[in-house]
Protein backbone atom coordinates (compact mmCIF):
# COMPACT_ATOMS: atom_id res chain seq x y z
CA UNK A 1 0.00 0.00 0.00
CA UNK A 2 2.87 2.41 0.77
CA UNK A 3 4.23 1.72 -2.71
CA UNK A 4 0.98 2.60 -4.41
CA UNK A 5 0.54 5.75 -2.29
CA UNK A 6 4.08 6.95 -3.07
CA UNK A 7 3.63 6.52 -6.82
CA UNK A 8 0.24 8.25 -6.67
CA UNK A 9 1.75 11.17 -4.76
CA UNK A 10 4.49 11.68 -7.34
CA UNK A 11 1.96 11.66 -10.17
CA UNK A 12 -0.26 14.04 -8.25
CA UNK A 13 2.65 16.43 -7.68
CA UNK A 14 3.41 16.34 -11.42
CA UNK A 15 -0.20 17.13 -12.30
CA UNK A 16 -0.62 19.92 -9.76
CA UNK A 17 2.68 21.47 -10.73
CA UNK A 18 1.70 21.65 -14.36
CA UNK A 19 -1.75 23.03 -13.62
CA UNK A 20 -0.38 25.74 -11.34
CA UNK A 21 2.76 26.53 -13.29
CA UNK A 22 1.31 29.48 -15.13
CA UNK A 23 0.27 31.38 -12.02
CA UNK A 24 2.83 30.17 -9.48
CA UNK A 25 6.17 30.25 -11.22
CA UNK A 26 5.97 33.38 -13.32
CA UNK A 27 9.45 33.97 -14.73
CA UNK A 28 10.59 30.56 -13.53
CA UNK A 29 9.43 28.92 -16.73
CA UNK A 30 11.65 28.78 -19.82
CA UNK A 31 12.19 26.74 -22.95
CA UNK A 32 15.72 25.62 -23.77
CA UNK A 33 17.32 25.26 -27.21
CA UNK A 34 16.11 21.66 -27.49
CA UNK A 35 12.50 22.60 -26.86
CA UNK A 36 12.36 21.32 -23.30
CA UNK A 37 10.20 23.21 -20.84
CA UNK A 38 12.04 23.94 -17.58
CA UNK A 39 10.12 25.09 -14.51
CA UNK A 40 12.16 26.30 -11.56
CA UNK A 41 11.29 27.37 -8.04
CA UNK A 42 13.04 27.40 -4.67
CA UNK A 43 12.55 23.65 -4.21
CA UNK A 44 14.13 22.59 -7.48
CA UNK A 45 13.16 22.21 -11.10
CA UNK A 46 10.93 20.18 -13.39
CA UNK A 47 12.04 19.37 -16.92
CA UNK A 48 9.37 18.42 -19.46
CA UNK A 49 10.29 16.99 -22.84
CA UNK A 50 13.87 15.74 -22.37
CA UNK A 51 13.97 12.36 -24.06
CA UNK A 52 17.40 11.36 -22.87
CA UNK A 53 17.29 8.56 -20.29
CA UNK A 54 18.57 9.59 -16.87
CA UNK A 55 19.77 6.38 -15.22
CA UNK A 56 20.32 8.04 -11.85
CA UNK A 57 16.73 9.31 -11.79
CA UNK A 58 15.53 5.82 -12.62
CA UNK A 59 17.32 4.15 -9.69
CA UNK A 60 19.98 2.48 -11.83
CA UNK A 61 17.72 0.95 -14.45
CA UNK A 62 18.89 0.86 -18.05
CA UNK A 63 16.80 2.49 -20.76
CA UNK A 64 14.15 0.20 -22.28
CA UNK A 65 14.37 -1.13 -25.82
CA UNK A 66 11.87 1.43 -27.06
CA UNK A 67 11.59 4.92 -28.47
CA UNK A 68 11.34 7.52 -25.69
CA UNK A 69 8.61 10.01 -26.56
CA UNK A 70 8.05 12.15 -23.47
CA UNK A 71 9.55 12.74 -20.06
CA UNK A 72 8.90 14.60 -16.87
CA UNK A 73 11.62 14.79 -14.20
CA UNK A 74 11.75 16.38 -10.78
CA UNK A 75 13.99 16.16 -7.75
CA UNK A 76 11.63 13.52 -6.34
CA UNK A 77 11.17 11.26 -9.35
CA UNK A 78 10.75 10.91 -13.07
CA UNK A 79 8.33 9.63 -15.67
CA UNK A 80 9.12 8.53 -19.23
CA UNK A 81 6.67 7.74 -21.99
CA UNK A 82 7.70 5.38 -24.79
CA UNK A 83 6.44 3.53 -27.84
CA UNK A 84 7.68 1.01 -30.42
CA UNK A 85 8.38 -1.63 -27.71
CA UNK A 86 7.99 -5.31 -28.59
CA UNK A 87 6.00 -7.53 -26.24
CA UNK A 88 8.96 -9.78 -25.51
CA UNK A 89 11.03 -6.71 -24.62
CA UNK A 90 8.31 -5.56 -22.22
CA UNK A 91 8.39 -8.92 -20.44
CA UNK A 92 12.18 -8.84 -20.30
CA UNK A 93 12.11 -5.34 -18.85
CA UNK A 94 9.76 -6.39 -16.06
CA UNK A 95 12.19 -9.22 -15.25
CA UNK A 96 15.06 -6.72 -15.25
CA UNK A 97 13.17 -4.54 -12.77
CA UNK A 98 12.75 -7.54 -10.47
CA UNK A 99 16.39 -8.56 -10.90
CA UNK A 100 17.42 -5.07 -9.78
CA UNK A 101 15.70 -5.77 -6.48
CA UNK A 102 12.33 -4.02 -6.94
CA UNK A 103 10.43 -6.91 -5.36
CA UNK A 104 8.96 -5.43 -2.18
CA UNK A 105 5.22 -4.72 -2.02
CA UNK A 106 4.99 -5.76 -5.65
CA UNK A 107 1.81 -5.42 -7.68
CA UNK A 108 1.32 -7.09 -11.08
CA UNK A 109 -1.73 -6.22 -13.19
CA UNK A 110 -2.18 -8.24 -16.36
CA UNK A 111 0.90 -9.30 -18.26
CA UNK A 112 2.58 -5.93 -18.61
CA UNK A 113 2.06 -3.74 -15.57
CA UNK A 114 4.41 -4.05 -12.61
CA UNK A 115 5.13 -1.97 -9.51
CA UNK A 116 7.78 -2.73 -6.91
CA UNK A 117 10.08 -1.13 -4.34
CA UNK A 118 13.66 -1.97 -3.43
CA UNK A 119 15.32 -2.12 -0.01
CA UNK A 120 15.96 1.66 0.03
CA UNK A 121 12.31 2.45 -0.71
CA UNK A 122 12.95 3.46 -4.31
CA UNK A 123 9.90 2.62 -6.41
CA UNK A 124 9.48 1.73 -10.07
CA UNK A 125 6.15 1.41 -11.85
CA UNK A 126 6.08 0.03 -15.42
CA UNK A 127 3.04 -0.06 -17.70
CA UNK A 128 2.78 -1.31 -21.28
CA UNK A 129 -0.03 -1.65 -23.82
CA UNK A 130 0.56 -4.53 -26.22
CA UNK A 131 -1.88 -3.08 -28.78
CA UNK A 132 -0.21 0.31 -29.12
CA UNK A 133 3.31 -0.91 -28.17
CA UNK A 134 3.53 2.09 -25.83
CA UNK A 135 3.69 2.68 -22.10
CA UNK A 136 5.30 4.56 -19.21
CA UNK A 137 8.03 4.06 -16.65
CA UNK A 138 7.86 6.06 -13.42
CA UNK A 139 10.31 6.35 -10.54
CA UNK A 140 9.72 7.76 -7.07
CA UNK A 141 10.86 7.47 -3.47
CA UNK A 142 8.89 5.92 -0.65
CA UNK A 143 9.58 4.58 2.83
CA UNK A 144 12.10 1.71 3.15
CA UNK A 145 10.12 -1.55 3.31
CA UNK A 146 10.23 -4.05 6.14
CA UNK A 147 11.45 -7.60 5.62
CA UNK A 148 7.85 -8.76 5.75
CA UNK A 149 7.07 -6.55 2.75
CA UNK A 150 9.19 -8.82 0.56
CA UNK A 151 6.47 -11.45 0.85
CA UNK A 152 3.66 -9.03 0.03
CA UNK A 153 2.66 -9.60 -3.55
CA UNK A 154 -0.47 -9.04 -5.63
CA UNK A 155 -1.15 -10.46 -9.08
CA UNK A 156 -4.32 -9.40 -10.86
CA UNK A 157 -5.02 -10.81 -14.31
CA UNK A 158 -2.31 -11.85 -16.75
CA UNK A 159 -1.32 -15.19 -18.27
CA UNK A 160 1.63 -16.16 -16.07
CA UNK A 161 -0.20 -16.84 -12.79
CA UNK A 162 0.62 -20.29 -11.48
CA UNK A 163 -0.52 -22.29 -8.48
CA UNK A 164 2.31 -22.67 -5.99
CA UNK A 165 1.76 -25.69 -3.71
CA UNK A 166 4.60 -24.62 -1.43
CA UNK A 167 2.60 -21.51 -0.51
CA UNK A 168 -0.63 -23.44 0.02
CA UNK A 169 0.36 -26.03 2.63
CA UNK A 170 1.23 -28.63 0.00
CA UNK A 171 -2.19 -28.65 -1.65
CA UNK A 172 -2.05 -29.70 -5.31
CA UNK A 173 -3.03 -27.52 -8.26
CA UNK A 174 -6.84 -27.48 -8.57
CA UNK A 175 -6.45 -27.35 -12.34
CA UNK A 176 -8.60 -24.25 -12.77
CA UNK A 177 -7.56 -20.99 -14.42
CA UNK A 178 -6.24 -18.54 -11.82
CA UNK A 179 -7.88 -15.11 -11.95
CA UNK A 180 -5.94 -13.41 -9.16
CA UNK A 181 -3.31 -14.06 -6.52
CA UNK A 182 -2.55 -12.19 -3.29
CA UNK A 183 0.11 -12.92 -0.68
CA UNK A 184 0.60 -10.92 2.52
CA UNK A 185 1.73 -11.60 6.05
CA UNK A 186 1.41 -15.40 6.01
CA UNK A 187 -1.88 -15.38 4.12
CA UNK A 188 -2.13 -16.53 0.50
CA UNK A 189 -5.24 -16.14 -1.65
CA UNK A 190 -6.15 -17.53 -5.08
CA UNK A 191 -9.34 -16.84 -7.00
CA UNK A 192 -10.52 -18.67 -10.12
CA UNK A 193 -12.56 -17.68 -13.13
CA UNK A 194 -14.50 -20.93 -13.16
CA UNK A 195 -14.09 -23.92 -10.88
CA UNK A 196 -17.10 -26.25 -10.81
CA UNK A 197 -15.29 -29.20 -9.23
CA UNK A 198 -14.76 -27.43 -5.91
CA UNK A 199 -16.61 -30.11 -3.92
CA UNK A 200 -14.19 -32.75 -5.19
CA UNK A 201 -11.30 -30.47 -4.24
CA UNK A 202 -12.65 -30.14 -0.69
CA UNK A 203 -12.13 -33.89 -0.35
CA UNK A 204 -8.52 -33.39 -1.41
CA UNK A 205 -8.15 -30.64 1.19
CA UNK A 206 -9.43 -33.08 3.84
CA UNK A 207 -7.06 -35.81 2.61
CA UNK A 208 -4.19 -33.38 3.26
CA UNK A 209 -5.16 -33.11 6.90
CA UNK A 210 -7.19 -29.90 6.98
CA UNK A 211 -9.98 -31.41 9.04
CA UNK A 212 -9.51 -29.93 12.51
CA UNK A 213 -11.86 -27.22 13.78
CA UNK A 214 -13.72 -27.66 10.50
CA UNK A 215 -16.86 -25.86 9.40
CA UNK A 216 -19.00 -26.18 6.29
CA UNK A 217 -21.80 -24.06 4.83
CA UNK A 218 -23.92 -25.06 1.81
CA UNK A 219 -26.85 -22.78 1.12
CA UNK A 220 -28.58 -21.09 -1.85
CA UNK A 221 -25.74 -21.32 -4.34
CA UNK A 222 -23.04 -20.52 -1.78
CA UNK A 223 -20.56 -23.02 -0.40
CA UNK A 224 -17.78 -22.69 2.15
CA UNK A 225 -15.41 -25.13 3.79
CA UNK A 226 -12.78 -24.23 6.37
CA UNK A 227 -10.42 -26.52 8.23
CA UNK A 228 -7.05 -26.53 9.97
CA UNK A 229 -4.26 -29.11 10.06
CA UNK A 230 -2.27 -30.35 13.07
CA UNK A 231 0.20 -27.46 12.70
CA UNK A 232 -2.58 -24.90 13.00
CA UNK A 233 -2.46 -23.82 9.35
CA UNK A 234 -5.91 -23.18 7.93
CA UNK A 235 -7.52 -23.47 4.49
CA UNK A 236 -10.76 -21.75 3.50
CA UNK A 237 -12.53 -22.56 0.23
CA UNK A 238 -15.49 -20.37 -0.82
CA UNK A 239 -17.53 -20.92 -3.96
CA UNK A 240 -20.62 -19.57 -5.64
CA UNK A 241 -22.24 -20.10 -9.03
CA UNK A 242 -19.69 -17.93 -10.81
CA UNK A 243 -16.55 -17.75 -8.67
CA UNK A 244 -14.31 -19.68 -6.30
CA UNK A 245 -11.44 -18.79 -4.02
CA UNK A 246 -9.01 -20.72 -1.81
CA UNK A 247 -7.15 -19.04 1.07
CA UNK A 248 -4.28 -20.48 3.08
CA UNK A 249 -3.53 -18.94 6.47
CA UNK A 250 -0.28 -19.87 8.15
CA UNK A 251 -0.42 -20.46 11.90
CA UNK A 252 0.91 -17.64 14.09
């Protein structure tokens, strides 16, 4: 959540600065020989239009394999717009972001949108549209994450979501298409687009020892089973006519 708030704040600062520039900066606005708009005040400067990649502003990341089209840089962060990027290059760039250590409080939306922070609290958010081959890369600075934040991950949509039995108390893959995945503080959640065999899967859950302190509800198109194992870990399966989710809660 801190990651998302920090990125939002940087974008909000950019927007407010631009909207107020005409009345707040007066003579502090100029256009350089390359056509870049430079806005200066006592707190620093904003450069709009410079298409040269500033590696230091982007927390050490290399420039993407794409054509840079726009940019907005401040003392607190930067944003680059780009186009002409291939899909495989977008996937590789997301992997490069992760390899650089931006894995704390990560959020993945679809196949080509990723946000993550590193140990220092530096944040990168990458978005890409496969249809237009364009997107944005934004950097900002947030609070340094805790060690627990490394395990906080959200995946919404996309084609690379996989069931991980090691995160789910050893439960096998249900075989249904994963719609979303969330992991935070010892709790892991999977939801599925369509999973009609959930009653059969409940029997598998029981076979894996999640039968202690069990409860079951079956009423008016809604079904729920919850049970713990001998270690105190708990599994909750909830299903309706059009959705299903399985949650694993690790014992305290």
